[in-house]
C-alpha atoms as a PDB file:
ATOM      1  CA  UNK A   1     147.419  20.887  60.239  1.00  0.00           C
ATOM      2  CA  UNK A   2     148.320  24.312  58.844  1.00  0.00           C
ATOM      3  CA  UNK A   3     146.874  26.058  61.902  1.00  0.00           C
ATOM      4  CA  UNK A   4     148.843  23.706  64.131  1.00  0.00           C
ATOM      5  CA  UNK A   5     152.147  24.629  62.448  1.00  0.00           C
ATOM      6  CA  UNK A   6     151.243  28.325  62.596  1.00  0.00           C
ATOM      7  CA  UNK A   7     150.592  28.011  66.328  1.00  0.00           C
ATOM      8  CA  UNK A   8     153.921  26.250  66.917  1.00  0.00           C
ATOM      9  CA  UNK A   9     155.767  28.839  64.818  1.00  0.00           C
ATOM     10  CA  UNK A  10     154.254  31.682  66.834  1.00  0.00           C
ATOM     11  CA  UNK A  11     154.973  29.906  70.130  1.00  0.00           C
ATOM     12  CA  UNK A  12     158.332  28.103  69.803  1.00  0.00           C
ATOM     13  CA  UNK A  13     158.440  27.630  73.582  1.00  0.00           C
ATOM     14  CA  UNK A  14     155.460  25.276  73.333  1.00  0.00           C
ATOM     15  CA  UNK A  15     157.108  23.422  70.439  1.00  0.00           C
ATOM     16  CA  UNK A  16     160.438  22.984  72.235  1.00  0.00           C
ATOM     17  CA  UNK A  17     158.888  22.007  75.560  1.00  0.00           C
ATOM     18  CA  UNK A  18     156.464  19.611  73.880  1.00  0.00           C
ATOM     19  CA  UNK A  19     159.232  18.008  71.812  1.00  0.00           C
ATOM     20  CA  UNK A  20     161.417  17.394  74.859  1.00  0.00           C
ATOM     21  CA  UNK A  21     158.468  16.002  76.805  1.00  0.00           C
ATOM     22  CA  UNK A  22     157.449  13.696  73.953  1.00  0.00           C
ATOM     23  CA  UNK A  23     161.023  12.408  73.732  1.00  0.00           C
ATOM     24  CA  UNK A  24     160.989  11.590  77.454  1.00  0.00           C
ATOM     25  CA  UNK A  25     157.595   9.887  77.148  1.00  0.00           C
ATOM     26  CA  UNK A  26     158.918   7.862  74.211  1.00  0.00           C
ATOM     27  CA  UNK A  27     161.960   6.862  76.293  1.00  0.00           C
ATOM     28  CA  UNK A  28     159.769   5.764  79.205  1.00  0.00           C
ATOM     29  CA  UNK A  29     157.360   3.740  77.065  1.00  0.00           C
ATOM     30  CA  UNK A  30     160.029   1.952  75.044  1.00  0.00           C
ATOM     31  CA  UNK A  31     162.503   1.502  77.913  1.00  0.00           C
ATOM     32  CA  UNK A  32     162.738  -2.318  77.456  1.00  0.00           C
ATOM     33  CA  UNK A  33     163.768  -1.794  73.820  1.00  0.00           C
ATOM     34  CA  UNK A  34     166.167   1.082  74.529  1.00  0.00           C
ATOM     35  CA  UNK A  35     168.181  -0.740  77.194  1.00  0.00           C
ATOM     36  CA  UNK A  36     169.058  -4.416  77.143  1.00  0.00           C
ATOM     37  CA  UNK A  37     170.162  -4.694  80.768  1.00  0.00           C
ATOM     38  CA  UNK A  38     168.045  -5.316  83.821  1.00  0.00           C
ATOM     39  CA  UNK A  39     168.021  -2.133  85.974  1.00  0.00           C
ATOM     40  CA  UNK A  40     167.886  -4.288  89.122  1.00  0.00           C
ATOM     41  CA  UNK A  41     170.597  -6.798  88.144  1.00  0.00           C
ATOM     42  CA  UNK A  42     173.409  -6.799  90.730  1.00  0.00           C
ATOM     43  CA  UNK A  43     177.026  -7.161  89.631  1.00  0.00           C
ATOM     44  CA  UNK A  44     179.443  -6.502  92.532  1.00  0.00           C
ATOM     45  CA  UNK A  45     182.430  -7.055  90.281  1.00  0.00           C
ATOM     46  CA  UNK A  46     181.382  -4.017  88.202  1.00  0.00           C
ATOM     47  CA  UNK A  47     180.436  -1.693  91.043  1.00  0.00           C
ATOM     48  CA  UNK A  48     181.267   2.041  90.921  1.00  0.00           C
ATOM     49  CA  UNK A  49     182.477   1.921  87.321  1.00  0.00           C
ATOM     50  CA  UNK A  50     182.876   5.206  85.456  1.00  0.00           C
ATOM     51  CA  UNK A  51     181.022   5.776  82.148  1.00  0.00           C
ATOM     52  CA  UNK A  52     182.459   3.615  79.367  1.00  0.00           C
ATOM     53  CA  UNK A  53     181.438   1.839  76.181  1.00  0.00           C
ATOM     54  CA  UNK A  54     180.101  -1.088  78.204  1.00  0.00           C
ATOM     55  CA  UNK A  55     178.280   1.128  80.753  1.00  0.00           C
ATOM     56  CA  UNK A  56     177.214   4.414  79.146  1.00  0.00           C
ATOM     57  CA  UNK A  57     176.408   6.121  82.463  1.00  0.00           C
ATOM     58  CA  UNK A  58     178.645   3.954  84.635  1.00  0.00           C
ATOM     59  CA  UNK A  59     177.456   1.740  87.491  1.00  0.00           C
ATOM     60  CA  UNK A  60     176.360   2.337  91.076  1.00  0.00           C
ATOM     61  CA  UNK A  61     177.674   0.908  94.351  1.00  0.00           C
ATOM     62  CA  UNK A  62     175.926  -2.417  93.695  1.00  0.00           C
ATOM     63  CA  UNK A  63     177.118  -2.752  90.132  1.00  0.00           C
ATOM     64  CA  UNK A  64     173.770  -1.867  88.567  1.00  0.00           C
ATOM     65  CA  UNK A  65     173.795  -0.098  85.215  1.00  0.00           C
ATOM     66  CA  UNK A  66     172.988   3.586  85.832  1.00  0.00           C
ATOM     67  CA  UNK A  67     171.827   4.109  82.240  1.00  0.00           C
ATOM     68  CA  UNK A  68     169.221   1.357  82.550  1.00  0.00           C
ATOM     69  CA  UNK A  69     168.053   2.702  85.913  1.00  0.00           C
ATOM     70  CA  UNK A  70     167.780   6.270  84.602  1.00  0.00           C
ATOM     71  CA  UNK A  71     165.740   5.179  81.578  1.00  0.00           C
ATOM     72  CA  UNK A  72     163.366   3.079  83.692  1.00  0.00           C
ATOM     73  CA  UNK A  73     163.255   5.839  86.306  1.00  0.00           C
ATOM     74  CA  UNK A  74     161.559   8.080  83.746  1.00  0.00           C
ATOM     75  CA  UNK A  75     158.492   5.851  84.047  1.00  0.00           C
ATOM     76  CA  UNK A  76     158.072   6.575  87.748  1.00  0.00           C
ATOM     77  CA  UNK A  77     158.522  10.326  87.375  1.00  0.00           C
ATOM     78  CA  UNK A  78     156.149  10.679  84.434  1.00  0.00           C
ATOM     79  CA  UNK A  79     153.506   8.409  85.957  1.00  0.00           C
ATOM     80  CA  UNK A  80     153.584  10.410  89.186  1.00  0.00           C
ATOM     81  CA  UNK A  81     153.556  13.761  87.385  1.00  0.00           C
ATOM     82  CA  UNK A  82     150.724  13.007  84.968  1.00  0.00           C
ATOM     83  CA  UNK A  83     148.590  11.138  87.497  1.00  0.00           C
ATOM     84  CA  UNK A  84     148.896  13.809  90.177  1.00  0.00           C
ATOM     85  CA  UNK A  85     148.154  16.546  87.644  1.00  0.00           C
ATOM     86  CA  UNK A  86     145.055  14.729  86.354  1.00  0.00           C
ATOM     87  CA  UNK A  87     143.686  13.827  89.794  1.00  0.00           C
ATOM     88  CA  UNK A  88     144.368  17.299  91.180  1.00  0.00           C
ATOM     89  CA  UNK A  89     142.648  18.933  88.203  1.00  0.00           C
ATOM     90  CA  UNK A  90     139.546  16.736  88.414  1.00  0.00           C
ATOM     91  CA  UNK A  91     139.127  16.822  92.197  1.00  0.00           C
ATOM     92  CA  UNK A  92     140.107  20.484  92.530  1.00  0.00           C
ATOM     93  CA  UNK A  93     137.752  21.555  89.727  1.00  0.00           C
ATOM     94  CA  UNK A  94     134.768  19.788  91.275  1.00  0.00           C
ATOM     95  CA  UNK A  95     135.439  21.237  94.716  1.00  0.00           C
ATOM     96  CA  UNK A  96     136.303  24.685  93.348  1.00  0.00           C
ATOM     97  CA  UNK A  97     133.161  24.967  91.224  1.00  0.00           C
ATOM     98  CA  UNK A  98     131.000  23.846  94.132  1.00  0.00           C
ATOM     99  CA  UNK A  99     132.700  26.255  96.495  1.00  0.00           C
ATOM    100  CA  UNK A 100     132.483  29.159  94.061  1.00  0.00           C
ATOM    101  CA  UNK A 101     128.814  28.675  93.251  1.00  0.00           C
ATOM    102  CA  UNK A 102     127.335  27.523  96.585  1.00  0.00           C
ATOM    103  CA  UNK A 103     127.970  30.174  99.218  1.00  0.00           C
ATOM    104  CA  UNK A 104     127.435  28.105 102.377  1.00  0.00           C
ATOM    105  CA  UNK A 105     129.823  25.412 101.104  1.00  0.00           C
ATOM    106  CA  UNK A 106     132.480  28.034 100.362  1.00  0.00           C
ATOM    107  CA  UNK A 107     133.023  28.998 103.999  1.00  0.00           C
ATOM    108  CA  UNK A 108     133.636  25.388 105.059  1.00  0.00           C
ATOM    109  CA  UNK A 109     135.689  24.224 102.084  1.00  0.00           C
ATOM    110  CA  UNK A 110     138.060  27.168 101.969  1.00  0.00           C
ATOM    111  CA  UNK A 111     138.964  26.869 105.633  1.00  0.00           C
ATOM    112  CA  UNK A 112     139.968  23.266 104.985  1.00  0.00           C
ATOM    113  CA  UNK A 113     141.952  24.285 101.892  1.00  0.00           C
ATOM    114  CA  UNK A 114     143.690  27.076 103.820  1.00  0.00           C
ATOM    115  CA  UNK A 115     144.700  24.552 106.474  1.00  0.00           C
ATOM    116  CA  UNK A 116     146.167  22.176 103.898  1.00  0.00           C
ATOM    117  CA  UNK A 117     148.021  24.986 102.106  1.00  0.00           C
ATOM    118  CA  UNK A 118     149.614  26.117 105.362  1.00  0.00           C
ATOM    119  CA  UNK A 119     151.573  22.851 105.452  1.00  0.00           C
ATOM    120  CA  UNK A 120     154.503  22.514 102.992  1.00  0.00           C
ATOM    121  CA  UNK A 121     153.924  19.896 100.303  1.00  0.00           C
ATOM    122  CA  UNK A 122     156.919  17.760 101.254  1.00  0.00           C
ATOM    123  CA  UNK A 123     156.076  17.724 104.982  1.00  0.00           C
ATOM    124  CA  UNK A 124     152.453  16.843 104.293  1.00  0.00           C
ATOM    125  CA  UNK A 125     153.499  14.059 101.940  1.00  0.00           C
ATOM    126  CA  UNK A 126     156.021  12.688 104.456  1.00  0.00           C
ATOM    127  CA  UNK A 127     153.364  12.668 107.184  1.00  0.00           C
ATOM    128  CA  UNK A 128     150.842  10.845 104.989  1.00  0.00           C
ATOM    129  CA  UNK A 129     153.393   8.269 103.805  1.00  0.00           C
ATOM    130  CA  UNK A 130     154.577   7.708 107.391  1.00  0.00           C
ATOM    131  CA  UNK A 131     151.034   6.703 108.319  1.00  0.00           C
ATOM    132  CA  UNK A 132     150.960   4.079 105.574  1.00  0.00           C
ATOM    133  CA  UNK A 133     154.009   2.732 103.734  1.00  0.00           C
ATOM    134  CA  UNK A 134     156.347   3.751 100.952  1.00  0.00           C
ATOM    135  CA  UNK A 135     154.823   2.843  97.589  1.00  0.00           C
ATOM    136  CA  UNK A 136     154.123   4.471  94.246  1.00  0.00           C
ATOM    137  CA  UNK A 137     150.379   4.642  94.940  1.00  0.00           C
ATOM    138  CA  UNK A 138     150.830   6.294  98.333  1.00  0.00           C
ATOM    139  CA  UNK A 139     153.265   8.835  96.885  1.00  0.00           C
ATOM    140  CA  UNK A 140     150.677   9.781  94.250  1.00  0.00           C
ATOM    141  CA  UNK A 141     147.916  10.089  96.855  1.00  0.00           C
ATOM    142  CA  UNK A 142     150.079  12.137  99.221  1.00  0.00           C
ATOM    143  CA  UNK A 143     151.203  14.621  96.562  1.00  0.00           C
ATOM    144  CA  UNK A 144     147.678  14.880  95.146  1.00  0.00           C
ATOM    145  CA  UNK A 145     146.255  15.832  98.540  1.00  0.00           C
ATOM    146  CA  UNK A 146     148.904  18.532  98.835  1.00  0.00           C
ATOM    147  CA  UNK A 147     148.247  19.942  95.333  1.00  0.00           C
ATOM    148  CA  UNK A 148     144.437  19.894  95.270  1.00  0.00           C
ATOM    149  CA  UNK A 149     144.079  23.154  97.285  1.00  0.00           C
ATOM    150  CA  UNK A 150     145.983  25.081  94.581  1.00  0.00           C
ATOM    151  CA  UNK A 151     143.464  24.028  91.953  1.00  0.00           C
ATOM    152  CA  UNK A 152     140.533  24.660  94.289  1.00  0.00           C
ATOM    153  CA  UNK A 153     141.591  28.245  94.940  1.00  0.00           C
ATOM    154  CA  UNK A 154     142.160  28.898  91.230  1.00  0.00           C
ATOM    155  CA  UNK A 155     138.820  27.469  90.089  1.00  0.00           C
ATOM    156  CA  UNK A 156     136.936  29.064  92.986  1.00  0.00           C
ATOM    157  CA  UNK A 157     138.332  32.501  92.144  1.00  0.00           C
ATOM    158  CA  UNK A 158     137.362  32.122  88.501  1.00  0.00           C
ATOM    159  CA  UNK A 159     133.909  30.853  89.444  1.00  0.00           C
ATOM    160  CA  UNK A 160     133.309  33.811  91.762  1.00  0.00           C
ATOM    161  CA  UNK A 161     134.302  36.206  88.987  1.00  0.00           C
ATOM    162  CA  UNK A 162     132.299  34.470  86.266  1.00  0.00           C
ATOM    163  CA  UNK A 163     129.232  34.169  88.472  1.00  0.00           C
ATOM    164  CA  UNK A 164     128.782  37.945  88.298  1.00  0.00           C
ATOM    165  CA  UNK A 165     128.969  38.133  84.500  1.00  0.00           C
ATOM    166  CA  UNK A 166     125.813  39.309  82.667  1.00  0.00           C
ATOM    167  CA  UNK A 167     125.426  36.134  80.608  1.00  0.00           C
ATOM    168  CA  UNK A 168     125.475  33.989  83.767  1.00  0.00           C
ATOM    169  CA  UNK A 169     122.912  36.205  85.458  1.00  0.00           C
ATOM    170  CA  UNK A 170     120.790  36.036  82.301  1.00  0.00           C
ATOM    171  CA  UNK A 171     120.943  32.232  82.314  1.00  0.00           C
ATOM    172  CA  UNK A 172     119.872  32.147  85.963  1.00  0.00           C
ATOM    173  CA  UNK A 173     117.041  34.599  85.267  1.00  0.00           C
ATOM    174  CA  UNK A 174     115.915  32.411  82.364  1.00  0.00           C
ATOM    175  CA  UNK A 175     115.404  29.540  84.777  1.00  0.00           C
ATOM    176  CA  UNK A 176     118.529  27.484  84.040  1.00  0.00           C
ATOM    177  CA  UNK A 177     119.389  24.978  86.763  1.00  0.00           C
ATOM    178  CA  UNK A 178     122.556  25.534  88.834  1.00  0.00           C
ATOM    179  CA  UNK A 179     124.159  22.429  87.330  1.00  0.00           C
ATOM    180  CA  UNK A 180     123.500  23.689  83.788  1.00  0.00           C
ATOM    181  CA  UNK A 181     124.871  27.138  84.623  1.00  0.00           C
ATOM    182  CA  UNK A 182     128.038  25.669  86.126  1.00  0.00           C
ATOM    183  CA  UNK A 183     128.850  23.205  83.354  1.00  0.00           C
ATOM    184  CA  UNK A 184     127.716  25.296  80.391  1.00  0.00           C
ATOM    185  CA  UNK A 185     128.722  28.830  81.334  1.00  0.00           C
ATOM    186  CA  UNK A 186     131.315  28.680  84.134  1.00  0.00           C
ATOM    187  CA  UNK A 187     133.364  25.500  83.687  1.00  0.00           C
ATOM    188  CA  UNK A 188     134.246  26.077  79.980  1.00  0.00           C
ATOM    189  CA  UNK A 189     135.752  29.444  80.895  1.00  0.00           C
ATOM    190  CA  UNK A 190     138.055  27.882  83.494  1.00  0.00           C
ATOM    191  CA  UNK A 191     139.645  25.337  81.159  1.00  0.00           C
ATOM    192  CA  UNK A 192     142.334  27.689  79.803  1.00  0.00           C
ATOM    193  CA  UNK A 193     143.712  28.703  83.211  1.00  0.00           C
ATOM    194  CA  UNK A 194     143.253  25.162  84.512  1.00  0.00           C
ATOM    195  CA  UNK A 195     145.341  23.752  81.664  1.00  0.00           C
ATOM    196  CA  UNK A 196     148.275  26.006  82.490  1.00  0.00           C
ATOM    197  CA  UNK A 197     147.996  25.270  86.210  1.00  0.00           C
ATOM    198  CA  UNK A 198     147.970  21.537  85.493  1.00  0.00           C
ATOM    199  CA  UNK A 199     151.332  21.716  83.725  1.00  0.00           C
ATOM    200  CA  UNK A 200     152.908  23.418  86.736  1.00  0.00           C
ATOM    201  CA  UNK A 201     151.411  20.834  89.092  1.00  0.00           C
ATOM    202  CA  UNK A 202     152.892  18.083  86.920  1.00  0.00           C
ATOM    203  CA  UNK A 203     156.380  19.582  87.283  1.00  0.00           C
ATOM    204  CA  UNK A 204     155.943  20.128  91.021  1.00  0.00           C
ATOM    205  CA  UNK A 205     154.762  16.538  91.464  1.00  0.00           C
ATOM    206  CA  UNK A 206     157.802  15.134  89.659  1.00  0.00           C
ATOM    207  CA  UNK A 207     160.128  17.260  91.788  1.00  0.00           C
ATOM    208  CA  UNK A 208     158.249  16.289  94.976  1.00  0.00           C
ATOM    209  CA  UNK A 209     158.498  12.582  94.131  1.00  0.00           C
ATOM    210  CA  UNK A 210     162.238  12.888  93.497  1.00  0.00           C
ATOM    211  CA  UNK A 211     162.687  14.753  96.784  1.00  0.00           C
ATOM    212  CA  UNK A 212     160.703  12.142  98.722  1.00  0.00           C
ATOM    213  CA  UNK A 213     162.632   9.282  97.127  1.00  0.00           C
ATOM    214  CA  UNK A 214     165.928  11.059  97.818  1.00  0.00           C
ATOM    215  CA  UNK A 215     165.222  11.170 101.563  1.00  0.00           C
ATOM    216  CA  UNK A 216     163.866   7.614 101.608  1.00  0.00           C
ATOM    217  CA  UNK A 217     160.182   8.513 101.964  1.00  0.00           C
ATOM    218  CA  UNK A 218     159.145   7.926  98.356  1.00  0.00           C
ATOM    219  CA  UNK A 219     158.994   4.829  96.227  1.00  0.00           C
ATOM    220  CA  UNK A 220     160.861   1.779  97.623  1.00  0.00           C
ATOM    221  CA  UNK A 221     164.475   1.189  96.494  1.00  0.00           C
ATOM    222  CA  UNK A 222     163.345  -1.839  94.469  1.00  0.00           C
ATOM    223  CA  UNK A 223     161.718   0.568  91.967  1.00  0.00           C
ATOM    224  CA  UNK A 224     164.199   2.686  89.945  1.00  0.00           C
ATOM    225  CA  UNK A 225     163.513   6.373  90.502  1.00  0.00           C
ATOM    226  CA  UNK A 226     165.651   9.385  89.755  1.00  0.00           C
ATOM    227  CA  UNK A 227     165.381  10.408  93.398  1.00  0.00           C
ATOM    228  CA  UNK A 228     166.580   7.157  94.926  1.00  0.00           C
ATOM    229  CA  UNK A 229     169.281   6.774  92.238  1.00  0.00           C
ATOM    230  CA  UNK A 230     170.757  10.093  93.383  1.00  0.00           C
ATOM    231  CA  UNK A 231     170.306   9.101  97.028  1.00  0.00           C
ATOM    232  CA  UNK A 232     172.273   5.904  96.515  1.00  0.00           C
ATOM    233  CA  UNK A 233     175.133   7.771  94.855  1.00  0.00           C
ATOM    234  CA  UNK A 234     175.458  10.711  97.237  1.00  0.00           C
ATOM    235  CA  UNK A 235     178.017   8.889  99.426  1.00  0.00           C
ATOM    236  CA  UNK A 236     180.599   8.970  96.613  1.00  0.00           C
ATOM    237  CA  UNK A 237     179.448  12.013  94.674  1.00  0.00           C
ATOM    238  CA  UNK A 238     182.807  13.776  95.038  1.00  0.00           C
ATOM    239  CA  UNK A 239     184.814  10.971  93.397  1.00  0.00           C
ATOM    240  CA  UNK A 240     182.007   9.323  91.357  1.00  0.00           C
ATOM    241  CA  UNK A 241     179.814  12.251  90.283  1.00  0.00           C
ATOM    242  CA  UNK A 242     178.212  10.271  87.447  1.00  0.00           C
ATOM    243  CA  UNK A 243     175.979   8.456  89.962  1.00  0.00           C
ATOM    244  CA  UNK A 244     174.170  11.732  90.677  1.00  0.00           C
ATOM    245  CA  UNK A 245     174.847  13.798  87.561  1.00  0.00           C
ATOM    246  CA  UNK A 246     172.930  11.738  84.993  1.00  0.00           C
ATOM    247  CA  UNK A 247     169.643  11.310  86.897  1.00  0.00           C
ATOM    248  CA  UNK A 248     169.850  14.964  87.967  1.00  0.00           C
ATOM    249  CA  UNK A 249     170.235  16.078  84.331  1.00  0.00           C
ATOM    250  CA  UNK A 250     167.233  14.033  83.217  1.00  0.00           C
ATOM    251  CA  UNK A 251     165.172  15.338  86.125  1.00  0.00           C
ATOM    252  CA  UNK A 252     166.093  18.920  85.233  1.00  0.00           C
ATOM    253  CA  UNK A 253     165.288  18.408  81.548  1.00  0.00           C
ATOM    254  CA  UNK A 254     161.891  16.915  82.401  1.00  0.00           C
ATOM    255  CA  UNK A 255     160.866  19.766  84.693  1.00  0.00           C
ATOM    256  CA  UNK A 256     162.277  22.328  82.249  1.00  0.00           C
ATOM    257  CA  UNK A 257     160.265  20.892  79.343  1.00  0.00           C
ATOM    258  CA  UNK A 258     157.041  20.904  81.376  1.00  0.00           C
ATOM    259  CA  UNK A 259     157.622  24.459  82.583  1.00  0.00           C
ATOM    260  CA  UNK A 260     158.388  25.626  79.031  1.00  0.00           C
ATOM    261  CA  UNK A 261     155.179  23.985  77.850  1.00  0.00           C
ATOM    262  CA  UNK A 262     153.232  25.704  80.633  1.00  0.00           C
ATOM    263  CA  UNK A 263     154.803  29.093  79.939  1.00  0.00           C
ATOM    264  CA  UNK A 264     154.084  28.769  76.235  1.00  0.00           C
ATOM    265  CA  UNK A 265     150.471  27.783  76.845  1.00  0.00           C
ATOM    266  CA  UNK A 266     150.054  30.711  79.232  1.00  0.00           C
ATOM    267  CA  UNK A 267     151.392  33.139  76.633  1.00  0.00           C
ATOM    268  CA  UNK A 268     149.180  31.620  73.950  1.00  0.00           C
ATOM    269  CA  UNK A 269     146.027  31.607  76.083  1.00  0.00           C
ATOM    270  CA  UNK A 270     146.423  35.075  77.612  1.00  0.00           C
ATOM    271  CA  UNK A 271     145.200  37.553  74.936  1.00  0.00           C
ATOM    272  CA  UNK A 272     147.516  40.301  76.198  1.00  0.00           C
ATOM    273  CA  UNK A 273     150.601  38.083  76.025  1.00  0.00           C
ATOM    274  CA  UNK A 274     149.530  36.667  72.650  1.00  0.00           C
ATOM    275  CA  UNK A 275     149.167  40.195  71.273  1.00  0.00           C
ATOM    276  CA  UNK A 276     152.708  41.085  72.397  1.00  0.00           C
ATOM    277  CA  UNK A 277     154.106  37.936  70.796  1.00  0.00           C
END
């Protein structure tokens, strides 16, 4: 516990980013207890209301409580961000280690990764969703496919560098199997950089999901999402800015907290940055 507090004191960016992120996770998990109103309940008589004591964040064009929709929308964003980050890390690490250690696989895999990286994430996700249908699962799959090449290139580069280290060559000379060399000597040394990269992918995934939902290619309107909440309020944003302002603020805070956490972890993991701090 003492070492944990010392680490947080030395790296306040990690502490602040982690605190904000934990608060958002808490809000998403306990959404039914935080808000008492149904985020999908229609009330035409209360439509386009400004923030008040009855409606903290006002209401949208259909009379739905914006506060309830923003709180429940945190679930979609965090689920997408964490799931995409986890899947991208697992799939990208497996492919990257294989590509970095098996030479004939490298030539094939990297050409495929280069082709995927040449297509912008949003366009690739839109194309994949257009072939199926708009749903939370398809959004996660589409963004994951677009983010996997980033992890593959990172892990492959580290594997190529670590493969030439004396201790790896010694393990190979001692008769260690390729699988043992990869998982005992190479993979453990990629975890630090992979952890930082995963935080950035999480933030990018949340922003990508909001962008897709904003243009109508993300989760369906029946599921509250910060992106489609802003999309529904853009028609009256000049006279009713609360419809866009509140979900935009929460989206910005979420991405900011994840980026701060990633920056702090990078500074803590990198020996040169840690020495400066």
